[in-house]
Amino acid sequence: MPKHPIKQFLNSSMTDNRASGELNKVNQQTTLTKITAEY
């Protein structure tokens, strides 16, 4: 068992949020590329 499960949980959720934020950026860029490619 980790010594500070809550702290570890917070750290992991923060990392998850950062990763999903990066994913959202990539998704927005590809969507923009698709839109500009259509016009």
Protein backbone atom coordinates (compact mmCIF):
# COMPACT_ATOMS: atom_id res chain seq x y z
CA MET A 1 0.00 0.00 0.00
CA PRO A 2 1.25 3.53 -0.76
CA LYS A 3 1.86 5.76 2.23
CA HIS A 4 -0.30 8.59 0.90
CA PRO A 5 -3.05 7.06 -1.28
CA ILE A 6 -4.99 10.33 -1.53
CA LYS A 7 -1.89 12.25 -2.58
CA GLN A 8 -1.02 9.56 -5.10
CA PHE A 9 -4.59 9.60 -6.42
CA LEU A 10 -4.48 13.38 -6.84
CA ASN A 11 -1.16 13.16 -8.66
CA SER A 12 -2.46 10.48 -11.02
CA SER A 13 -5.68 12.38 -11.74
CA MET A 14 -3.68 15.54 -12.45
CA THR A 15 -1.53 13.57 -14.88
CA ASP A 16 -4.67 12.17 -16.50
CA ASN A 17 -6.10 15.67 -16.89
CA ARG A 18 -2.88 16.88 -18.50
CA ALA A 19 -2.86 13.92 -20.88
CA SER A 20 -6.51 14.44 -21.88
CA GLY A 21 -5.80 18.14 -22.36
CA GLU A 22 -3.02 17.28 -24.80
CA LEU A 23 -5.39 14.87 -26.55
CA ASN A 24 -8.01 17.61 -26.84
CA LYS A 25 -5.42 19.93 -28.41
CA VAL A 26 -4.50 17.30 -30.97
CA ASN A 27 -8.16 16.59 -31.70
CA GLN A 28 -8.87 20.29 -32.20
CA GLN A 29 -5.92 20.60 -34.57
CA THR A 30 -7.04 17.62 -36.67
CA THR A 31 -10.61 18.96 -36.73
CA LEU A 32 -9.34 22.34 -37.91
CA THR A 33 -7.24 20.65 -40.57
CA LYS A 34 -10.27 18.66 -41.75
CA ILE A 35 -12.43 21.80 -41.89
CA THR A 36 -9.83 23.82 -43.81
CA ALA A 37 -9.26 20.88 -46.15
CA GLU A 38 -12.98 20.80 -46.99
CA TYR A 39 -13.16 24.49 -47.96
